[in-house]
Amino acid sequence: MNIKENKLGLISHVSISGAIIKPHLELLKESLENHLKAGDLRILIDIKEAPLIDSAGLELLWDSLMNFRKAGGSLKLVNANTLIMDIFLATKMTNIFEIFTDQEKAYRSFL
């Protein structure tokens, strides 16, 4: 898994390439914890280049979402492929996460 990070105003954009699965989660966990510690409370995770997510990946995103919410922030997802959307639908995570198909709409949702 590779992670690219950049900022657009108050929004931190985290792009993931590679599967969001247990053997590769430490890098993502560290990145999200660092944003939280730094007070970067608006996180947009672009998963366009993530082909798959497993239960450990879902758990990490869930835990991170809860941590950001507790701190008064938010974590949103953009560009999920069909397989990942099916996984989010099957686990009813679409009721919990804001998932966007359009990056511009995702950015505007933070305003």
PDB file of N, CA and C in Angstrom:
ATOM      1  N   MET A   1       0.847  -1.178   0.000  1.00  0.00           N
ATOM      2  CA  MET A   1       0.000   0.000   0.000  1.00  0.00           C
ATOM      3  C   MET A   1       0.888   1.234   0.000  1.00  0.00           C
ATOM      4  N   ASN A   2       0.509   2.186  -0.825  1.00  0.00           N
ATOM      5  CA  ASN A   2       1.182   3.474  -0.852  1.00  0.00           C
ATOM      6  C   ASN A   2       0.178   4.551  -0.490  1.00  0.00           C
ATOM      7  N   ILE A   3       0.660   5.561   0.207  1.00  0.00           N
ATOM      8  CA  ILE A   3      -0.198   6.667   0.624  1.00  0.00           C
ATOM      9  C   ILE A   3       0.434   7.971   0.167  1.00  0.00           C
ATOM     10  N   LYS A   4      -0.375   8.800  -0.474  1.00  0.00           N
ATOM     11  CA  LYS A   4       0.042  10.156  -0.830  1.00  0.00           C
ATOM     12  C   LYS A   4      -0.864  11.110  -0.080  1.00  0.00           C
ATOM     13  N   GLU A   5      -0.251  12.146   0.462  1.00  0.00           N
ATOM     14  CA  GLU A   5      -1.018  13.111   1.250  1.00  0.00           C
ATOM     15  C   GLU A   5      -0.782  14.517   0.720  1.00  0.00           C
ATOM     16  N   ASN A   6      -1.837  15.298   0.697  1.00  0.00           N
ATOM     17  CA  ASN A   6      -1.700  16.719   0.416  1.00  0.00           C
ATOM     18  C   ASN A   6      -2.850  17.448   1.089  1.00  0.00           C
ATOM     19  N   LYS A   7      -2.796  18.756   1.047  1.00  0.00           N
ATOM     20  CA  LYS A   7      -3.794  19.578   1.726  1.00  0.00           C
ATOM     21  C   LYS A   7      -4.385  20.573   0.757  1.00  0.00           C
ATOM     22  N   LEU A   8      -5.681  20.758   0.860  1.00  0.00           N
ATOM     23  CA  LEU A   8      -6.374  21.784   0.124  1.00  0.00           C
ATOM     24  C   LEU A   8      -7.126  22.607   1.163  1.00  0.00           C
ATOM     25  N   GLY A   9      -6.531  23.730   1.537  1.00  0.00           N
ATOM     26  CA  GLY A   9      -7.117  24.523   2.620  1.00  0.00           C
ATOM     27  C   GLY A   9      -7.082  23.746   3.917  1.00  0.00           C
ATOM     28  N   LEU A  10      -8.247  23.559   4.516  1.00  0.00           N
ATOM     29  CA  LEU A  10      -8.347  22.830   5.782  1.00  0.00           C
ATOM     30  C   LEU A  10      -8.591  21.335   5.594  1.00  0.00           C
ATOM     31  N   ILE A  11      -8.654  20.898   4.349  1.00  0.00           N
ATOM     32  CA  ILE A  11      -8.960  19.496   4.069  1.00  0.00           C
ATOM     33  C   ILE A  11      -7.678  18.743   3.745  1.00  0.00           C
ATOM     34  N   SER A  12      -7.456  17.652   4.463  1.00  0.00           N
ATOM     35  CA  SER A  12      -6.323  16.777   4.185  1.00  0.00           C
ATOM     36  C   SER A  12      -6.795  15.668   3.265  1.00  0.00           C
ATOM     37  N   HIS A  13      -6.112  15.531   2.140  1.00  0.00           N
ATOM     38  CA  HIS A  13      -6.464  14.539   1.136  1.00  0.00           C
ATOM     39  C   HIS A  13      -5.465  13.395   1.223  1.00  0.00           C
ATOM     40  N   VAL A  14      -5.967  12.203   1.503  1.00  0.00           N
ATOM     41  CA  VAL A  14      -5.130  11.017   1.627  1.00  0.00           C
ATOM     42  C   VAL A  14      -5.509  10.067   0.500  1.00  0.00           C
ATOM     43  N   SER A  15      -4.579   9.802  -0.408  1.00  0.00           N
ATOM     44  CA  SER A  15      -4.827   8.879  -1.525  1.00  0.00           C
ATOM     45  C   SER A  15      -4.152   7.552  -1.234  1.00  0.00           C
ATOM     46  N   ILE A  16      -4.912   6.493  -1.387  1.00  0.00           N
ATOM     47  CA  ILE A  16      -4.395   5.148  -1.129  1.00  0.00           C
ATOM     48  C   ILE A  16      -4.306   4.388  -2.442  1.00  0.00           C
ATOM     49  N   SER A  17      -3.166   3.764  -2.667  1.00  0.00           N
ATOM     50  CA  SER A  17      -3.064   2.826  -3.785  1.00  0.00           C
ATOM     51  C   SER A  17      -2.605   1.496  -3.203  1.00  0.00           C
ATOM     52  N   GLY A  18      -3.318   0.466  -3.564  1.00  0.00           N
ATOM     53  CA  GLY A  18      -3.064  -0.858  -3.011  1.00  0.00           C
ATOM     54  C   GLY A  18      -4.213  -1.291  -2.123  1.00  0.00           C
ATOM     55  N   ALA A  19      -4.253  -2.562  -1.870  1.00  0.00           N
ATOM     56  CA  ALA A  19      -5.330  -3.149  -1.079  1.00  0.00           C
ATOM     57  C   ALA A  19      -5.301  -2.649   0.366  1.00  0.00           C
ATOM     58  N   ILE A  20      -6.483  -2.398   0.896  1.00  0.00           N
ATOM     59  CA  ILE A  20      -6.626  -1.962   2.288  1.00  0.00           C
ATOM     60  C   ILE A  20      -6.901  -3.229   3.098  1.00  0.00           C
ATOM     61  N   ILE A  21      -5.836  -3.952   3.359  1.00  0.00           N
ATOM     62  CA  ILE A  21      -5.939  -5.247   4.026  1.00  0.00           C
ATOM     63  C   ILE A  21      -4.953  -5.326   5.186  1.00  0.00           C
ATOM     64  N   LYS A  22      -5.222  -6.264   6.070  1.00  0.00           N
ATOM     65  CA  LYS A  22      -4.497  -6.353   7.340  1.00  0.00           C
ATOM     66  C   LYS A  22      -2.976  -6.239   7.232  1.00  0.00           C
ATOM     67  N   PRO A  23      -2.318  -6.942   6.328  1.00  0.00           N
ATOM     68  CA  PRO A  23      -0.853  -6.842   6.312  1.00  0.00           C
ATOM     69  C   PRO A  23      -0.316  -5.447   5.979  1.00  0.00           C
ATOM     70  N   HIS A  24      -1.169  -4.560   5.449  1.00  0.00           N
ATOM     71  CA  HIS A  24      -0.690  -3.263   4.972  1.00  0.00           C
ATOM     72  C   HIS A  24      -1.271  -2.077   5.728  1.00  0.00           C
ATOM     73  N   LEU A  25      -1.939  -2.302   6.819  1.00  0.00           N
ATOM     74  CA  LEU A  25      -2.697  -1.236   7.469  1.00  0.00           C
ATOM     75  C   LEU A  25      -1.887  -0.302   8.355  1.00  0.00           C
ATOM     76  N   GLU A  26      -0.714  -0.713   8.785  1.00  0.00           N
ATOM     77  CA  GLU A  26       0.047   0.099   9.741  1.00  0.00           C
ATOM     78  C   GLU A  26       0.357   1.486   9.183  1.00  0.00           C
ATOM     79  N   LEU A  27       0.685   1.564   7.924  1.00  0.00           N
ATOM     80  CA  LEU A  27       1.004   2.848   7.291  1.00  0.00           C
ATOM     81  C   LEU A  27      -0.211   3.778   7.286  1.00  0.00           C
ATOM     82  N   LEU A  28      -1.373   3.247   6.951  1.00  0.00           N
ATOM     83  CA  LEU A  28      -2.595   4.050   6.943  1.00  0.00           C
ATOM     84  C   LEU A  28      -2.968   4.479   8.361  1.00  0.00           C
ATOM     85  N   LYS A  29      -2.863   3.569   9.291  1.00  0.00           N
ATOM     86  CA  LYS A  29      -3.172   3.887  10.686  1.00  0.00           C
ATOM     87  C   LYS A  29      -2.275   5.010  11.194  1.00  0.00           C
ATOM     88  N   GLU A  30      -0.998   4.904  10.918  1.00  0.00           N
ATOM     89  CA  GLU A  30      -0.036   5.921  11.342  1.00  0.00           C
ATOM     90  C   GLU A  30      -0.363   7.281  10.709  1.00  0.00           C
ATOM     91  N   SER A  31      -0.687   7.271   9.435  1.00  0.00           N
ATOM     92  CA  SER A  31      -1.016   8.509   8.731  1.00  0.00           C
ATOM     93  C   SER A  31      -2.237   9.183   9.357  1.00  0.00           C
ATOM     94  N   LEU A  32      -3.287   8.418   9.595  1.00  0.00           N
ATOM     95  CA  LEU A  32      -4.512   9.001  10.158  1.00  0.00           C
ATOM     96  C   LEU A  32      -4.298   9.477  11.590  1.00  0.00           C
ATOM     97  N   GLU A  33      -3.529   8.729  12.373  1.00  0.00           N
ATOM     98  CA  GLU A  33      -3.219   9.162  13.742  1.00  0.00           C
ATOM     99  C   GLU A  33      -2.417  10.458  13.731  1.00  0.00           C
ATOM    100  N   ASN A  34      -1.486  10.588  12.809  1.00  0.00           N
ATOM    101  CA  ASN A  34      -0.689  11.815  12.714  1.00  0.00           C
ATOM    102  C   ASN A  34      -1.561  13.014  12.359  1.00  0.00           C
ATOM    103  N   HIS A  35      -2.502  12.832  11.456  1.00  0.00           N
ATOM    104  CA  HIS A  35      -3.423  13.921  11.114  1.00  0.00           C
ATOM    105  C   HIS A  35      -4.244  14.330  12.337  1.00  0.00           C
ATOM    106  N   LEU A  36      -4.717  13.351  13.066  1.00  0.00           N
ATOM    107  CA  LEU A  36      -5.520  13.630  14.255  1.00  0.00           C
ATOM    108  C   LEU A  36      -4.702  14.388  15.296  1.00  0.00           C
ATOM    109  N   LYS A  37      -3.490  13.941  15.548  1.00  0.00           N
ATOM    110  CA  LYS A  37      -2.612  14.597  16.518  1.00  0.00           C
ATOM    111  C   LYS A  37      -2.272  16.024  16.097  1.00  0.00           C
ATOM    112  N   ALA A  38      -2.145  16.243  14.790  1.00  0.00           N
ATOM    113  CA  ALA A  38      -1.793  17.568  14.269  1.00  0.00           C
ATOM    114  C   ALA A  38      -3.003  18.507  14.209  1.00  0.00           C
ATOM    115  N   GLY A  39      -4.171  17.972  14.518  1.00  0.00           N
ATOM    116  CA  GLY A  39      -5.372  18.803  14.472  1.00  0.00           C
ATOM    117  C   GLY A  39      -5.973  18.937  13.081  1.00  0.00           C
ATOM    118  N   ASP A  40      -5.526  18.104  12.156  1.00  0.00           N
ATOM    119  CA  ASP A  40      -6.120  18.065  10.819  1.00  0.00           C
ATOM    120  C   ASP A  40      -7.384  17.223  10.917  1.00  0.00           C
ATOM    121  N   LEU A  41      -8.514  17.878  11.091  1.00  0.00           N
ATOM    122  CA  LEU A  41      -9.746  17.154  11.421  1.00  0.00           C
ATOM    123  C   LEU A  41     -10.693  16.931  10.250  1.00  0.00           C
ATOM    124  N   ARG A  42     -10.321  17.376   9.075  1.00  0.00           N
ATOM    125  CA  ARG A  42     -11.140  17.144   7.877  1.00  0.00           C
ATOM    126  C   ARG A  42     -10.318  16.280   6.926  1.00  0.00           C
ATOM    127  N   ILE A  43     -10.668  14.997   6.871  1.00  0.00           N
ATOM    128  CA  ILE A  43      -9.899  14.040   6.087  1.00  0.00           C
ATOM    129  C   ILE A  43     -10.762  13.479   4.960  1.00  0.00           C
ATOM    130  N   LEU A  44     -10.236  13.532   3.755  1.00  0.00           N
ATOM    131  CA  LEU A  44     -10.870  12.899   2.605  1.00  0.00           C
ATOM    132  C   LEU A  44      -9.931  11.798   2.127  1.00  0.00           C
ATOM    133  N   ILE A  45     -10.416  10.559   2.168  1.00  0.00           N
ATOM    134  CA  ILE A  45      -9.613   9.424   1.747  1.00  0.00           C
ATOM    135  C   ILE A  45     -10.061   8.992   0.358  1.00  0.00           C
ATOM    136  N   ASP A  46      -9.132   9.110  -0.585  1.00  0.00           N
ATOM    137  CA  ASP A  46      -9.394   8.720  -1.970  1.00  0.00           C
ATOM    138  C   ASP A  46      -8.957   7.270  -2.145  1.00  0.00           C
ATOM    139  N   ILE A  47      -9.927   6.397  -2.434  1.00  0.00           N
ATOM    140  CA  ILE A  47      -9.630   4.970  -2.563  1.00  0.00           C
ATOM    141  C   ILE A  47      -9.780   4.482  -4.007  1.00  0.00           C
ATOM    142  N   LYS A  48      -9.610   5.391  -4.936  1.00  0.00           N
ATOM    143  CA  LYS A  48      -9.728   5.058  -6.356  1.00  0.00           C
ATOM    144  C   LYS A  48      -8.785   3.931  -6.764  1.00  0.00           C
ATOM    145  N   GLU A  49      -7.590   3.930  -6.219  1.00  0.00           N
ATOM    146  CA  GLU A  49      -6.595   2.925  -6.593  1.00  0.00           C
ATOM    147  C   GLU A  49      -6.456   1.819  -5.552  1.00  0.00           C
ATOM    148  N   ALA A  50      -7.503   1.644  -4.744  1.00  0.00           N
ATOM    149  CA  ALA A  50      -7.542   0.545  -3.781  1.00  0.00           C
ATOM    150  C   ALA A  50      -8.483  -0.527  -4.345  1.00  0.00           C
ATOM    151  N   PRO A  51      -7.955  -1.669  -4.741  1.00  0.00           N
ATOM    152  CA  PRO A  51      -8.801  -2.678  -5.373  1.00  0.00           C
ATOM    153  C   PRO A  51      -9.682  -3.456  -4.399  1.00  0.00           C
ATOM    154  N   LEU A  52      -9.336  -3.440  -3.105  1.00  0.00           N
ATOM    155  CA  LEU A  52      -9.995  -4.325  -2.153  1.00  0.00           C
ATOM    156  C   LEU A  52      -9.866  -3.776  -0.739  1.00  0.00           C
ATOM    157  N   ILE A  53     -10.845  -4.114   0.091  1.00  0.00           N
ATOM    158  CA  ILE A  53     -10.754  -3.823   1.525  1.00  0.00           C
ATOM    159  C   ILE A  53     -11.214  -5.068   2.273  1.00  0.00           C
ATOM    160  N   ASP A  54     -10.532  -5.414   3.352  1.00  0.00           N
ATOM    161  CA  ASP A  54     -10.955  -6.559   4.155  1.00  0.00           C
ATOM    162  C   ASP A  54     -11.543  -6.071   5.480  1.00  0.00           C
ATOM    163  N   SER A  55     -11.910  -7.007   6.347  1.00  0.00           N
ATOM    164  CA  SER A  55     -12.562  -6.639   7.607  1.00  0.00           C
ATOM    165  C   SER A  55     -11.639  -5.810   8.494  1.00  0.00           C
ATOM    166  N   ALA A  56     -10.343  -6.084   8.462  1.00  0.00           N
ATOM    167  CA  ALA A  56      -9.402  -5.285   9.264  1.00  0.00           C
ATOM    168  C   ALA A  56      -9.329  -3.855   8.728  1.00  0.00           C
ATOM    169  N   GLY A  57      -9.390  -3.701   7.416  1.00  0.00           N
ATOM    170  CA  GLY A  57      -9.415  -2.367   6.815  1.00  0.00           C
ATOM    171  C   GLY A  57     -10.678  -1.611   7.180  1.00  0.00           C
ATOM    172  N   LEU A  58     -11.810  -2.306   7.151  1.00  0.00           N
ATOM    173  CA  LEU A  58     -13.073  -1.683   7.567  1.00  0.00           C
ATOM    174  C   LEU A  58     -13.008  -1.245   9.023  1.00  0.00           C
ATOM    175  N   GLU A  59     -12.434  -2.099   9.854  1.00  0.00           N
ATOM    176  CA  GLU A  59     -12.322  -1.780  11.281  1.00  0.00           C
ATOM    177  C   GLU A  59     -11.435  -0.556  11.502  1.00  0.00           C
ATOM    178  N   LEU A  60     -10.328  -0.477  10.776  1.00  0.00           N
ATOM    179  CA  LEU A  60      -9.444   0.674  10.908  1.00  0.00           C
ATOM    180  C   LEU A  60     -10.162   1.955  10.485  1.00  0.00           C
ATOM    181  N   LEU A  61     -10.872   1.913   9.364  1.00  0.00           N
ATOM    182  CA  LEU A  61     -11.600   3.102   8.917  1.00  0.00           C
ATOM    183  C   LEU A  61     -12.698   3.479   9.910  1.00  0.00           C
ATOM    184  N   TRP A  62     -13.396   2.498  10.443  1.00  0.00           N
ATOM    185  CA  TRP A  62     -14.453   2.737  11.439  1.00  0.00           C
ATOM    186  C   TRP A  62     -13.859   3.388  12.696  1.00  0.00           C
ATOM    187  N   ASP A  63     -12.791   2.799  13.224  1.00  0.00           N
ATOM    188  CA  ASP A  63     -12.140   3.348  14.416  1.00  0.00           C
ATOM    189  C   ASP A  63     -11.650   4.776  14.163  1.00  0.00           C
ATOM    190  N   SER A  64     -11.064   4.992  12.994  1.00  0.00           N
ATOM    191  CA  SER A  64     -10.565   6.324  12.655  1.00  0.00           C
ATOM    192  C   SER A  64     -11.710   7.318  12.543  1.00  0.00           C
ATOM    193  N   LEU A  65     -12.795   6.918  11.903  1.00  0.00           N
ATOM    194  CA  LEU A  65     -13.961   7.794  11.794  1.00  0.00           C
ATOM    195  C   LEU A  65     -14.458   8.200  13.177  1.00  0.00           C
ATOM    196  N   MET A  66     -14.560   7.243  14.073  1.00  0.00           N
ATOM    197  CA  MET A  66     -15.035   7.533  15.430  1.00  0.00           C
ATOM    198  C   MET A  66     -14.072   8.485  16.151  1.00  0.00           C
ATOM    199  N   ASN A  67     -12.771   8.281  15.984  1.00  0.00           N
ATOM    200  CA  ASN A  67     -11.780   9.156  16.616  1.00  0.00           C
ATOM    201  C   ASN A  67     -11.867  10.582  16.076  1.00  0.00           C
ATOM    202  N   PHE A  68     -12.041  10.718  14.772  1.00  0.00           N
ATOM    203  CA  PHE A  68     -12.171  12.054  14.192  1.00  0.00           C
ATOM    204  C   PHE A  68     -13.463  12.721  14.653  1.00  0.00           C
ATOM    205  N   ARG A  69     -14.535  11.962  14.719  1.00  0.00           N
ATOM    206  CA  ARG A  69     -15.808  12.535  15.193  1.00  0.00           C
ATOM    207  C   ARG A  69     -15.698  12.992  16.647  1.00  0.00           C
ATOM    208  N   LYS A  70     -15.055  12.191  17.483  1.00  0.00           N
ATOM    209  CA  LYS A  70     -14.877  12.567  18.890  1.00  0.00           C
ATOM    210  C   LYS A  70     -14.093  13.867  19.025  1.00  0.00           C
ATOM    211  N   ALA A  71     -13.176  14.091  18.096  1.00  0.00           N
ATOM    212  CA  ALA A  71     -12.356  15.308  18.116  1.00  0.00           C
ATOM    213  C   ALA A  71     -13.051  16.475  17.422  1.00  0.00           C
ATOM    214  N   GLY A  72     -14.272  16.250  16.937  1.00  0.00           N
ATOM    215  CA  GLY A  72     -15.011  17.314  16.263  1.00  0.00           C
ATOM    216  C   GLY A  72     -14.745  17.398  14.771  1.00  0.00           C
ATOM    217  N   GLY A  73     -14.147  16.372  14.220  1.00  0.00           N
ATOM    218  CA  GLY A  73     -13.817  16.380  12.798  1.00  0.00           C
ATOM    219  C   GLY A  73     -14.637  15.387  12.008  1.00  0.00           C
ATOM    220  N   SER A  74     -14.183  15.124  10.806  1.00  0.00           N
ATOM    221  CA  SER A  74     -14.872  14.163   9.960  1.00  0.00           C
ATOM    222  C   SER A  74     -13.889  13.474   9.017  1.00  0.00           C
ATOM    223  N   LEU A  75     -14.275  12.284   8.609  1.00  0.00           N
ATOM    224  CA  LEU A  75     -13.499  11.485   7.689  1.00  0.00           C
ATOM    225  C   LEU A  75     -14.469  10.988   6.628  1.00  0.00           C
ATOM    226  N   LYS A  76     -14.151  11.240   5.357  1.00  0.00           N
ATOM    227  CA  LYS A  76     -15.041  10.866   4.259  1.00  0.00           C
ATOM    228  C   LYS A  76     -14.246  10.117   3.209  1.00  0.00           C
ATOM    229  N   LEU A  77     -14.959   9.338   2.405  1.00  0.00           N
ATOM    230  CA  LEU A  77     -14.330   8.529   1.373  1.00  0.00           C
ATOM    231  C   LEU A  77     -14.779   8.986  -0.007  1.00  0.00           C
ATOM    232  N   VAL A  78     -13.912   8.812  -0.987  1.00  0.00           N
ATOM    233  CA  VAL A  78     -14.256   9.165  -2.358  1.00  0.00           C
ATOM    234  C   VAL A  78     -13.651   8.136  -3.315  1.00  0.00           C
ATOM    235  N   ASN A  79     -14.360   7.909  -4.423  1.00  0.00           N
ATOM    236  CA  ASN A  79     -13.890   7.082  -5.540  1.00  0.00           C
ATOM    237  C   ASN A  79     -13.766   5.598  -5.214  1.00  0.00           C
ATOM    238  N   ALA A  80     -14.733   5.043  -4.496  1.00  0.00           N
ATOM    239  CA  ALA A  80     -14.714   3.604  -4.219  1.00  0.00           C
ATOM    240  C   ALA A  80     -15.101   2.836  -5.486  1.00  0.00           C
ATOM    241  N   ASN A  81     -14.392   1.757  -5.760  1.00  0.00           N
ATOM    242  CA  ASN A  81     -14.750   0.925  -6.913  1.00  0.00           C
ATOM    243  C   ASN A  81     -15.981   0.075  -6.577  1.00  0.00           C
ATOM    244  N   THR A  82     -16.468  -0.666  -7.555  1.00  0.00           N
ATOM    245  CA  THR A  82     -17.693  -1.452  -7.379  1.00  0.00           C
ATOM    246  C   THR A  82     -17.556  -2.492  -6.272  1.00  0.00           C
ATOM    247  N   LEU A  83     -16.433  -3.190  -6.221  1.00  0.00           N
ATOM    248  CA  LEU A  83     -16.229  -4.219  -5.201  1.00  0.00           C
ATOM    249  C   LEU A  83     -16.237  -3.616  -3.799  1.00  0.00           C
ATOM    250  N   ILE A  84     -15.512  -2.531  -3.622  1.00  0.00           N
ATOM    251  CA  ILE A  84     -15.477  -1.894  -2.300  1.00  0.00           C
ATOM    252  C   ILE A  84     -16.862  -1.360  -1.933  1.00  0.00           C
ATOM    253  N   MET A  85     -17.582  -0.783  -2.885  1.00  0.00           N
ATOM    254  CA  MET A  85     -18.937  -0.312  -2.587  1.00  0.00           C
ATOM    255  C   MET A  85     -19.834  -1.481  -2.187  1.00  0.00           C
ATOM    256  N   ASP A  86     -19.701  -2.612  -2.864  1.00  0.00           N
ATOM    257  CA  ASP A  86     -20.486  -3.798  -2.499  1.00  0.00           C
ATOM    258  C   ASP A  86     -20.171  -4.247  -1.080  1.00  0.00           C
ATOM    259  N   ILE A  87     -18.904  -4.182  -0.700  1.00  0.00           N
ATOM    260  CA  ILE A  87     -18.504  -4.563   0.660  1.00  0.00           C
ATOM    261  C   ILE A  87     -19.103  -3.585   1.675  1.00  0.00           C
ATOM    262  N   PHE A  88     -19.049  -2.300   1.371  1.00  0.00           N
ATOM    263  CA  PHE A  88     -19.636  -1.305   2.269  1.00  0.00           C
ATOM    264  C   PHE A  88     -21.151  -1.479   2.366  1.00  0.00           C
ATOM    265  N   LEU A  89     -21.800  -1.807   1.258  1.00  0.00           N
ATOM    266  CA  LEU A  89     -23.250  -2.041   1.279  1.00  0.00           C
ATOM    267  C   LEU A  89     -23.592  -3.293   2.087  1.00  0.00           C
ATOM    268  N   ALA A  90     -22.852  -4.376   1.866  1.00  0.00           N
ATOM    269  CA  ALA A  90     -23.116  -5.640   2.560  1.00  0.00           C
ATOM    270  C   ALA A  90     -22.921  -5.515   4.068  1.00  0.00           C
ATOM    271  N   THR A  91     -21.990  -4.676   4.480  1.00  0.00           N
ATOM    272  CA  THR A  91     -21.715  -4.506   5.914  1.00  0.00           C
ATOM    273  C   THR A  91     -22.488  -3.330   6.515  1.00  0.00           C
ATOM    274  N   LYS A  92     -23.313  -2.697   5.679  1.00  0.00           N
ATOM    275  CA  LYS A  92     -24.119  -1.539   6.085  1.00  0.00           C
ATOM    276  C   LYS A  92     -23.272  -0.345   6.523  1.00  0.00           C
ATOM    277  N   MET A  93     -22.033  -0.316   6.077  1.00  0.00           N
ATOM    278  CA  MET A  93     -21.141   0.804   6.389  1.00  0.00           C
ATOM    279  C   MET A  93     -21.518   2.053   5.593  1.00  0.00           C
ATOM    280  N   THR A  94     -22.335   1.882   4.554  1.00  0.00           N
ATOM    281  CA  THR A  94     -22.791   3.048   3.790  1.00  0.00           C
ATOM    282  C   THR A  94     -23.715   3.912   4.635  1.00  0.00           C
ATOM    283  N   ASN A  95     -24.249   3.348   5.713  1.00  0.00           N
ATOM    284  CA  ASN A  95     -25.082   4.119   6.640  1.00  0.00           C
ATOM    285  C   ASN A  95     -24.227   4.948   7.596  1.00  0.00           C
ATOM    286  N   ILE A  96     -22.961   4.653   7.666  1.00  0.00           N
ATOM    287  CA  ILE A  96     -22.075   5.297   8.629  1.00  0.00           C
ATOM    288  C   ILE A  96     -21.107   6.269   7.955  1.00  0.00           C
ATOM    289  N   PHE A  97     -20.557   5.848   6.829  1.00  0.00           N
ATOM    290  CA  PHE A  97     -19.580   6.663   6.110  1.00  0.00           C
ATOM    291  C   PHE A  97     -20.249   7.498   5.032  1.00  0.00           C
ATOM    292  N   GLU A  98     -19.709   8.693   4.824  1.00  0.00           N
ATOM    293  CA  GLU A  98     -20.077   9.469   3.654  1.00  0.00           C
ATOM    294  C   GLU A  98     -19.122   9.044   2.553  1.00  0.00           C
ATOM    295  N   ILE A  99     -19.691   8.514   1.464  1.00  0.00           N
ATOM    296  CA  ILE A  99     -18.883   8.023   0.355  1.00  0.00           C
ATOM    297  C   ILE A  99     -19.324   8.764  -0.904  1.00  0.00           C
ATOM    298  N   PHE A 100     -18.369   9.396  -1.555  1.00  0.00           N
ATOM    299  CA  PHE A 100     -18.657  10.215  -2.726  1.00  0.00           C
ATOM    300  C   PHE A 100     -18.058   9.589  -3.977  1.00  0.00           C
ATOM    301  N   THR A 101     -18.712   9.850  -5.106  1.00  0.00           N
ATOM    302  CA  THR A 101     -18.180   9.412  -6.397  1.00  0.00           C
ATOM    303  C   THR A 101     -17.483  10.560  -7.107  1.00  0.00           C
ATOM    304  N   ASP A 102     -17.734  11.773  -6.653  1.00  0.00           N
ATOM    305  CA  ASP A 102     -17.179  12.972  -7.276  1.00  0.00           C
ATOM    306  C   ASP A 102     -16.306  13.702  -6.265  1.00  0.00           C
ATOM    307  N   GLN A 103     -15.054  13.905  -6.618  1.00  0.00           N
ATOM    308  CA  GLN A 103     -14.114  14.537  -5.691  1.00  0.00           C
ATOM    309  C   GLN A 103     -14.505  15.968  -5.352  1.00  0.00           C
ATOM    310  N   GLU A 104     -14.984  16.717  -6.319  1.00  0.00           N
ATOM    311  CA  GLU A 104     -15.394  18.107  -6.075  1.00  0.00           C
ATOM    312  C   GLU A 104     -16.548  18.177  -5.062  1.00  0.00           C
ATOM    313  N   LYS A 105     -17.518  17.292  -5.209  1.00  0.00           N
ATOM    314  CA  LYS A 105     -18.642  17.236  -4.248  1.00  0.00           C
ATOM    315  C   LYS A 105     -18.153  16.827  -2.866  1.00  0.00           C
ATOM    316  N   ALA A 106     -17.193  15.933  -2.850  1.00  0.00           N
ATOM    317  CA  ALA A 106     -16.626  15.514  -1.570  1.00  0.00           C
ATOM    318  C   ALA A 106     -15.971  16.691  -0.858  1.00  0.00           C
ATOM    319  N   TYR A 107     -15.176  17.478  -1.598  1.00  0.00           N
ATOM    320  CA  TYR A 107     -14.545  18.653  -0.997  1.00  0.00           C
ATOM    321  C   TYR A 107     -15.590  19.639  -0.496  1.00  0.00           C
ATOM    322  N   ARG A 108     -16.610  19.888  -1.305  1.00  0.00           N
ATOM    323  CA  ARG A 108     -17.643  20.865  -0.921  1.00  0.00           C
ATOM    324  C   ARG A 108     -18.436  20.406   0.302  1.00  0.00           C
ATOM    325  N   SER A 109     -18.505  19.106   0.531  1.00  0.00           N
ATOM    326  CA  SER A 109     -19.280  18.585   1.665  1.00  0.00           C
ATOM    327  C   SER A 109     -18.676  19.007   3.009  1.00  0.00           C
ATOM    328  N   PHE A 110     -17.413  19.386   3.018  1.00  0.00           N
ATOM    329  CA  PHE A 110     -16.766  19.809   4.254  1.00  0.00           C
ATOM    330  C   PHE A 110     -17.121  21.245   4.629  1.00  0.00           C
ATOM    331  N   LEU A 111     -17.671  21.998   3.699  1.00  0.00           N
ATOM    332  CA  LEU A 111     -17.974  23.424   3.939  1.00  0.00           C
ATOM    333  C   LEU A 111     -19.243  23.598   4.727  1.00  0.00           C
TER     334      LEU A 111
END
